[in-house]
C-alpha cells in the first residue's frame, strides 16, 4: 500500500489510517519504507503522526548489519543514519539486526562497536535495540538468549536493549522460555502473526470464527506479561488474505489474550449481532402493529356507521338531539383511543400479545359508550 508504482496510501496518511481504520495508537516503521525520502518528508510524517495521535515509536533496520567483519564502517554508518531518521520522526528507539557468528571473538568485536554507537544514541535520547536473529551461522550470535544477554551486558548502559520477534521466538525449542529470557531487556516487542485459520464461516467474512495459525499466540502474550513487560507491541501480519483484516484480527487476538481469553474469536461480537437482530425484530413488529391498528381503525369506523344508522331509524324525533350528543361523545372517545394506540406503537420492545390487548381496550370503551 505504501511503496511501488501501485501504492494506494501516501506515507503521510499512514498515521490517520492506522488510528482510524485499524484502531491502533502508534507506528513501528521499517527503514525500507523511507528509501528515497527527504528530511522534509520525514518531518511531514512526524507532524501527521502528531495530528492523528499515532506517534512513530520505533524505526527498524531489518537488514542484518555486518558488525563483526574486519571493516564495519559501512554498517556503522548505516546504523547512524537509521538513528538520525528515528530521531527526526520523534521515535524513542531504533532497532537493528546484526550479522555475526556465535563465537567469543565476534561477541567482543560487536560489543565494542556497539559501544561506539551508544554515544550517538545518548545524544539523540534514543534506545538502540538489537533484533534477535534466526538460528543461522550468519546471525548465530543473536539467536541464542544466553549469547544475546551476554552481548547486552558487555555493551552496558541503559539505552541498549532487545526487540523480540514472536516469529523468531516460535522457531525456538521452547517459545515461552525464550521470550521470558529475552523480554526483560526489551523496550519494544514485534508481535508477528502468521495467519488465521477458519473454524466457522468464510475467511473474508468479519463474522467468521478464527484462531491464530503457526504458533500459540496466547502463550506468547502470556510469556511477555509474566515478566512484567508493559511497553509497546507492534503488529506485523505476515499471513495470507486481506492485510487490513489480518491486522484487525491480530489486534483482537492480542486483546483477548491479554484479557485471559485466548482462543477462537470473531471480529463481530455477539452483542453487535444481537443489536442487529433486535433492530430487525423491532422493525418487523412495528410493521405488524401498523397493519393491525389500520385494520382496527377501519372496523371501528364501520361499527360507528352501523350504530348511527340504527339510531336514526329507532329514535323518535324528540330524542334525536340526545342521540346525536351520545354519538358525538362516542366518536370523541374513539379518537382519544386512537391517540393512545399511536403512543403505544412507538415502543418497539412491546410484545405482540400485549399490543393486541392494548388495542382491544379502546374498542371496548367505544362499545360501552354506544350502549349507554
Protein backbone atom coordinates (compact mmCIF):
# COMPACT_ATOMS: atom_id res chain seq x y z
CA UNK A 1 0.00 0.00 0.00
CA UNK A 2 2.91 2.37 0.66
CA UNK A 3 5.66 1.59 -1.86
CA UNK A 4 6.00 0.93 -5.59
CA UNK A 5 4.04 2.19 -8.55
CA UNK A 6 0.87 0.50 -7.29
CA UNK A 7 0.97 2.30 -3.91
CA UNK A 8 -2.50 3.33 -2.76
CA UNK A 9 -1.67 5.10 0.50
CA UNK A 10 0.58 8.16 0.85
CA UNK A 11 3.08 7.78 3.68
CA UNK A 12 1.72 10.89 5.43
CA UNK A 13 -1.75 9.27 5.52
CA UNK A 14 -0.41 6.18 7.33
CA UNK A 15 -0.87 7.54 10.90
CA UNK A 16 -4.51 8.50 10.31
CA UNK A 17 -5.22 5.18 8.58
CA UNK A 18 -3.55 3.27 11.42
CA UNK A 19 -5.53 5.08 14.09
CA UNK A 20 -8.95 5.30 12.40
CA UNK A 21 -9.10 2.10 10.36
CA UNK A 22 -7.01 -0.30 12.43
CA UNK A 23 -7.72 1.08 15.90
CA UNK A 24 -4.00 1.26 16.78
CA UNK A 25 -2.14 4.05 18.52
CA UNK A 26 1.45 4.05 17.26
CA UNK A 27 3.78 3.16 14.39
CA UNK A 28 6.81 0.90 14.16
CA UNK A 29 8.25 1.56 10.71
CA UNK A 30 10.65 -0.49 8.65
CA UNK A 31 13.52 1.63 7.33
CA UNK A 32 13.00 0.41 3.75
CA UNK A 33 9.72 2.40 3.67
CA UNK A 34 11.80 5.58 3.89
CA UNK A 35 14.04 4.86 0.91
CA UNK A 36 14.33 7.99 -1.22
CA UNK A 37 12.52 10.19 1.32
CA UNK A 38 13.91 13.58 2.24
CA UNK A 39 14.21 15.24 5.64
CA UNK A 40 11.13 17.28 4.78
CA UNK A 41 9.20 14.07 4.06
CA UNK A 42 10.13 12.71 7.48
CA UNK A 43 9.14 15.98 9.15
CA UNK A 44 5.74 15.89 7.44
CA UNK A 45 5.25 12.29 8.56
CA UNK A 46 6.08 13.23 12.15
CA UNK A 47 3.63 16.15 12.04
CA UNK A 48 0.93 13.90 10.56
CA UNK A 49 1.57 11.38 13.35
CA UNK A 50 1.12 14.07 15.98
CA UNK A 51 -2.14 15.26 14.45
CA UNK A 52 -3.51 11.70 14.23
CA UNK A 53 -2.39 10.88 17.79
CA UNK A 54 -0.47 7.94 16.37
CA UNK A 55 3.20 8.59 17.12
CA UNK A 56 6.20 6.96 15.47
CA UNK A 57 7.72 4.75 18.17
CA UNK A 58 10.43 2.60 16.57
CA UNK A 59 12.35 2.62 13.28
CA UNK A 60 13.62 -0.84 12.33
CA UNK A 61 16.60 -1.78 10.17
CA UNK A 62 15.80 -5.41 9.43
CA UNK A 63 18.73 -6.00 7.05
CA UNK A 64 21.46 -7.61 9.20
CA UNK A 65 24.44 -5.28 9.59
CA UNK A 66 27.96 -6.73 9.38
CA UNK A 67 29.39 -5.51 12.66
CA UNK A 68 31.72 -8.46 13.20
CA UNK A 69 33.70 -8.13 9.94
CA UNK A 70 37.16 -6.67 9.52
CA UNK A 71 35.67 -3.42 8.20
CA UNK A 72 32.40 -2.43 9.86
CA UNK A 73 32.43 1.21 8.76
CA UNK A 74 29.55 0.75 6.28
CA UNK A 75 27.42 -0.98 8.90
CA UNK A 76 28.17 1.69 11.50
CA UNK A 77 27.29 4.43 9.01
CA UNK A 78 24.02 2.74 8.14
CA UNK A 79 23.04 2.37 11.81
CA UNK A 80 23.94 6.03 12.35
CA UNK A 81 21.58 7.09 9.52
CA UNK A 82 18.80 4.95 10.94
CA UNK A 83 19.20 6.60 14.35
CA UNK A 84 19.17 10.06 12.74
CA UNK A 85 15.93 9.27 10.88
CA UNK A 86 14.38 7.79 14.04
CA UNK A 87 15.20 10.97 15.94
CA UNK A 88 13.70 13.14 13.20
CA UNK A 89 10.48 11.09 13.28
CA UNK A 90 10.20 11.51 17.04
CA UNK A 91 10.80 7.81 17.78
CA UNK A 92 12.08 6.72 21.17
CA UNK A 93 14.03 3.77 19.74
CA UNK A 94 15.85 2.41 16.70
CA UNK A 95 16.19 -1.35 16.23
CA UNK A 96 18.85 -3.12 14.14
CA UNK A 97 19.59 -6.67 13.10
CA UNK A 98 23.19 -7.86 13.48
CA UNK A 99 25.10 -10.35 11.35
CA UNK A 100 27.73 -12.12 13.47
CA UNK A 101 28.67 -15.74 14.17
CA UNK A 102 28.28 -17.25 17.61
CA UNK A 103 31.93 -17.07 18.70
CA UNK A 104 33.68 -15.37 21.64
CA UNK A 105 35.72 -13.23 19.23
CA UNK A 106 32.61 -11.98 17.42
CA UNK A 107 30.96 -11.26 20.76
CA UNK A 108 33.83 -8.97 21.82
CA UNK A 109 34.05 -7.19 18.46
CA UNK A 110 30.31 -6.49 18.20
CA UNK A 111 30.17 -5.27 21.79
CA UNK A 112 32.98 -2.76 21.20
CA UNK A 113 31.40 -1.43 18.01
CA UNK A 114 28.05 -1.04 19.69
CA UNK A 115 29.68 0.93 22.48
CA UNK A 116 30.96 3.37 19.85
CA UNK A 117 27.41 3.84 18.58
CA UNK A 118 25.89 4.39 22.00
CA UNK A 119 27.26 7.91 22.28
CA UNK A 120 25.12 8.96 19.30
CA UNK A 121 22.10 7.21 20.81
CA UNK A 122 22.60 9.00 24.11
CA UNK A 123 22.88 12.36 22.38
CA UNK A 124 19.66 11.76 20.44
CA UNK A 125 17.93 10.32 23.54
CA UNK A 126 17.22 7.07 21.68
CA UNK A 127 17.24 3.46 22.80
CA UNK A 128 19.27 1.25 20.44
CA UNK A 129 17.65 -2.18 20.26
CA UNK A 130 19.02 -5.44 18.88
CA UNK A 131 16.65 -7.59 16.84
CA UNK A 132 17.21 -11.25 17.81
CA UNK A 133 18.09 -13.19 14.68
CA UNK A 134 17.18 -16.64 13.43
CA UNK A 135 19.40 -19.59 14.24
CA UNK A 136 21.76 -19.36 11.26
CA UNK A 137 25.58 -19.27 11.01
CA UNK A 138 25.40 -15.62 9.90
CA UNK A 139 23.19 -14.49 12.83
CA UNK A 140 24.03 -17.10 15.43
CA UNK A 141 25.26 -14.53 17.94
CA UNK A 142 21.78 -13.03 18.41
CA UNK A 143 19.74 -16.24 18.05
CA UNK A 144 20.59 -17.65 21.47
CA UNK A 145 19.02 -15.92 24.50
CA UNK A 146 22.15 -16.60 26.56
CA UNK A 147 24.51 -15.13 23.92
CA UNK A 148 22.23 -12.15 23.39
CA UNK A 149 22.12 -11.31 27.09
CA UNK A 150 25.91 -11.73 27.27
CA UNK A 151 26.24 -9.19 24.45
CA UNK A 152 23.96 -6.70 26.22
CA UNK A 153 25.97 -6.99 29.43
CA UNK A 154 29.22 -6.37 27.56
CA UNK A 155 27.83 -3.27 25.86
CA UNK A 156 26.38 -1.92 29.10
CA UNK A 157 24.30 1.20 29.69
CA UNK A 158 20.58 1.87 29.96
CA UNK A 159 19.89 2.69 26.31
CA UNK A 160 20.72 -0.67 24.77
CA UNK A 161 18.16 -3.45 24.73
CA UNK A 162 16.32 -6.03 22.67
CA UNK A 163 13.25 -6.15 20.45
CA UNK A 164 11.97 -9.76 20.44
CA UNK A 165 10.04 -11.03 17.42
CA UNK A 166 7.31 -13.61 18.01
CA UNK A 167 8.09 -15.33 14.70
CA UNK A 168 11.74 -15.88 15.68
CA UNK A 169 10.73 -16.95 19.18
CA UNK A 170 8.34 -19.52 17.68
CA UNK A 171 11.29 -21.23 15.96
CA UNK A 172 12.99 -21.78 19.33
CA UNK A 173 12.68 -25.11 21.09
CA UNK A 174 10.67 -23.53 23.92
CA UNK A 175 8.99 -20.31 22.76
CA UNK A 176 7.65 -19.13 26.17
CA UNK A 177 11.03 -19.76 27.83
CA UNK A 178 12.80 -17.86 25.04
CA UNK A 179 10.52 -14.84 25.45
CA UNK A 180 10.77 -14.85 29.23
CA UNK A 181 14.55 -14.80 28.91
CA UNK A 182 14.81 -12.00 26.32
CA UNK A 183 11.84 -9.73 27.06
CA UNK A 184 13.13 -8.22 30.35
CA UNK A 185 15.71 -6.34 28.23
CA UNK A 186 13.12 -5.19 25.67
CA UNK A 187 11.91 -1.65 25.02
CA UNK A 188 9.59 -2.87 22.25
CA UNK A 189 8.20 -6.20 21.05
CA UNK A 190 7.36 -7.22 17.49
CA UNK A 191 4.15 -9.21 17.78
CA UNK A 192 4.29 -11.00 14.45
CA UNK A 193 1.24 -13.03 13.39
CA UNK A 194 1.38 -15.66 10.65
CA UNK A 195 -2.27 -16.03 9.67
CA UNK A 196 -5.66 -17.13 10.96
CA UNK A 197 -7.44 -20.41 10.34
CA UNK A 198 -11.21 -20.52 9.96
CA UNK A 199 -13.18 -22.58 12.44
CA UNK A 200 -16.59 -21.45 11.26
CA UNK A 201 -17.59 -19.27 8.31
CA UNK A 202 -15.56 -17.77 5.46
CA UNK A 203 -12.09 -16.23 5.91
CA UNK A 204 -13.11 -12.98 4.19
CA UNK A 205 -16.17 -12.56 6.46
CA UNK A 206 -15.78 -10.49 9.64
CA UNK A 207 -18.27 -12.79 11.35
CA UNK A 208 -16.05 -15.84 10.81
CA UNK A 209 -14.74 -17.54 13.93
CA UNK A 210 -10.97 -17.86 13.58
CA UNK A 211 -7.87 -18.82 15.54
CA UNK A 212 -4.21 -17.94 15.03
CA UNK A 213 -2.12 -20.34 12.95
CA UNK A 214 1.59 -21.13 13.20
CA UNK A 215 2.15 -20.89 16.94
CA UNK A 216 0.28 -20.38 20.20
CA UNK A 217 -0.25 -16.62 20.27
CA UNK A 218 -1.85 -16.77 23.70
CA UNK A 219 1.24 -18.47 25.15
CA UNK A 220 3.49 -15.79 23.62
CA UNK A 221 1.42 -12.95 25.09
CA UNK A 222 1.31 -14.71 28.45
CA UNK A 223 5.10 -15.10 28.42
CA UNK A 224 5.84 -11.39 27.95
CA UNK A 225 3.19 -10.44 30.51
CA UNK A 226 4.69 -12.88 33.02
CA UNK A 227 7.96 -10.92 33.16
CA UNK A 228 6.15 -7.61 33.67
CA UNK A 229 6.53 -6.21 30.16
CA UNK A 230 4.34 -3.12 29.76
CA UNK A 231 5.81 -1.49 26.64
CA UNK A 232 4.53 -1.24 23.09
CA UNK A 233 3.78 -4.26 20.89
CA UNK A 234 3.96 -3.77 17.13
CA UNK A 235 1.64 -5.87 14.97
CA UNK A 236 3.23 -7.35 11.86
CA UNK A 237 0.77 -9.52 9.93
CA UNK A 238 2.61 -11.89 7.56
CA UNK A 239 -0.26 -14.19 6.65
CA UNK A 240 -2.43 -14.61 3.54
CA UNK A 241 -5.59 -12.78 2.62
CA UNK A 242 -6.64 -9.20 3.25
CA UNK A 243 -3.88 -7.40 5.18
CA UNK A 244 -6.17 -4.90 6.87
CA UNK A 245 -8.42 -7.65 8.20
CA UNK A 246 -5.31 -9.60 9.23
CA UNK A 247 -4.10 -6.66 11.32
CA UNK A 248 -7.52 -6.13 12.87
CA UNK A 249 -7.70 -9.80 13.78
CA UNK A 250 -4.18 -9.60 15.21
CA UNK A 251 -5.25 -6.71 17.43
CA UNK A 252 -8.35 -8.59 18.57
CA UNK A 253 -6.35 -11.76 19.29
CA UNK A 254 -3.84 -9.78 21.40
CA UNK A 255 -6.61 -8.03 23.32
CA UNK A 256 -8.33 -11.34 24.05
CA UNK A 257 -5.09 -12.97 25.17
CA UNK A 258 -4.28 -10.04 27.49
CA UNK A 259 -7.78 -10.34 28.97
CA UNK A 260 -7.19 -14.03 29.65
CA UNK A 261 -9.46 -15.20 26.81
CA UNK A 262 -7.15 -16.76 24.20
CA UNK A 263 -8.60 -19.00 21.55
CA UNK A 264 -11.14 -18.72 18.73
CA UNK A 265 -12.86 -15.37 18.22
CA UNK A 266 -14.77 -13.26 15.73
CA UNK A 267 -14.30 -9.63 14.75
CA UNK A 268 -18.07 -9.15 15.14
CA UNK A 269 -19.01 -9.60 18.80
CA UNK A 270 -22.19 -11.35 19.99
CA UNK A 271 -23.69 -8.12 21.31
CA UNK A 272 -23.27 -6.49 17.88
CA UNK A 273 -25.16 -9.37 16.28
CA UNK A 274 -27.84 -9.11 18.99
CA UNK A 275 -28.25 -5.39 18.33
CA UNK A 276 -28.74 -6.03 14.62
CA UNK A 277 -31.30 -8.77 15.35
CA UNK A 278 -33.13 -6.53 17.82
CA UNK A 279 -33.32 -3.74 15.23
CA UNK A 280 -34.65 -6.13 12.59
CA UNK A 281 -37.20 -7.62 15.03
CA UNK A 282 -38.33 -4.15 16.12
CA UNK A 283 -38.85 -3.11 12.50
CA UNK A 284 -40.90 -6.26 11.85
CA UNK A 285 -43.07 -5.75 14.95
CA UNK A 286 -43.58 -2.11 14.03
CA UNK A 287 -44.85 -3.14 10.62
CA UNK A 288 -47.20 -5.70 12.21
CA UNK A 289 -48.56 -3.13 14.71
CA UNK A 290 -49.18 -0.60 11.94
CA UNK A 291 -51.08 -3.17 9.90
CA UNK A 292 -53.17 -4.35 12.88
CA UNK A 293 -54.06 -0.84 14.00
CA UNK A 294 -55.07 0.21 10.49
CA UNK A 295 -57.42 -2.78 10.35
CA UNK A 296 -58.86 -1.93 13.80
CA UNK A 297 -59.47 1.67 12.76
CA UNK A 298 -61.37 0.50 9.68
CA UNK A 299 -63.51 -1.88 11.80
CA UNK A 300 -64.30 0.88 14.32
CA UNK A 301 -65.36 3.23 11.52
CA UNK A 302 -67.67 0.56 10.13
CA UNK A 303 -69.17 -0.19 13.57
CA UNK A 304 -69.70 3.53 14.21
CA UNK A 305 -71.52 3.90 10.90
CA UNK A 306 -73.81 0.92 11.72
CA UNK A 307 -74.72 2.27 15.16
CA UNK A 308 -75.57 5.68 13.71
CA UNK A 309 -77.95 4.07 11.17
CA UNK A 310 -79.86 2.10 13.79
CA UNK A 311 -80.30 5.18 15.99
CA UNK A 312 -81.80 7.22 13.18
CA UNK A 313 -84.37 4.51 12.44
CA UNK A 314 -85.45 3.64 16.01
CA UNK A 315 -85.33 7.00 17.75
CA UNK A 316 -88.35 9.30 17.79
CA UNK A 317 -87.86 12.89 16.58
CA UNK A 318 -87.95 14.23 20.06
CA UNK A 319 -84.88 12.18 21.17
CA UNK A 320 -82.79 12.99 18.08
CA UNK A 321 -80.75 15.68 19.82
CA UNK A 322 -79.90 13.39 22.74
CA UNK A 323 -78.84 10.58 20.41
CA UNK A 324 -76.62 12.96 18.37
CA UNK A 325 -74.88 14.05 21.57
CA UNK A 326 -74.28 10.40 22.52
CA UNK A 327 -72.90 9.65 19.04
CA UNK A 328 -70.61 12.68 19.24
CA UNK A 329 -69.39 11.55 22.66
CA UNK A 330 -68.65 8.03 21.32
CA UNK A 331 -66.75 9.50 18.37
CA UNK A 332 -64.65 11.66 20.68
CA UNK A 333 -63.84 8.63 22.84
CA UNK A 334 -62.77 6.68 19.74
CA UNK A 335 -60.42 9.47 18.65
CA UNK A 336 -58.87 9.61 22.10
CA UNK A 337 -58.36 5.84 22.00
CA UNK A 338 -56.63 6.15 18.64
CA UNK A 339 -54.19 8.67 20.15
CA UNK A 340 -53.43 6.21 22.91
CA UNK A 341 -52.72 3.48 20.39
CA UNK A 342 -50.38 5.76 18.43
CA UNK A 343 -48.38 6.40 21.60
CA UNK A 344 -48.15 2.69 22.32
CA UNK A 345 -46.88 1.93 18.80
CA UNK A 346 -43.70 3.97 19.47
CA UNK A 347 -42.33 1.26 21.80
CA UNK A 348 -40.50 -1.34 19.65
CA UNK A 349 -39.94 -3.75 22.52
CA UNK A 350 -43.71 -4.38 23.25
CA UNK A 351 -44.75 -7.98 22.66
CA UNK A 352 -47.37 -8.81 20.09
CA UNK A 353 -49.76 -10.18 22.71
CA UNK A 354 -49.71 -7.13 24.96
CA UNK A 355 -50.03 -4.83 21.93
CA UNK A 356 -53.13 -6.71 20.84
CA UNK A 357 -54.64 -6.42 24.32
CA UNK A 358 -53.96 -2.66 24.42
CA UNK A 359 -55.52 -2.11 21.04
CA UNK A 360 -58.65 -4.01 22.15
CA UNK A 361 -59.31 -1.74 25.14
CA UNK A 362 -60.25 1.44 23.20
CA UNK A 363 -62.76 -0.56 21.13
CA UNK A 364 -64.44 -1.74 24.35
CA UNK A 365 -64.68 1.87 25.54
CA UNK A 366 -66.32 2.89 22.30
CA UNK A 367 -68.85 -0.01 22.52
CA UNK A 368 -69.74 0.90 26.12
CA UNK A 369 -70.36 4.50 25.07
CA UNK A 370 -72.71 3.31 22.28
CA UNK A 371 -74.63 1.07 24.66
CA UNK A 372 -75.08 3.91 27.14
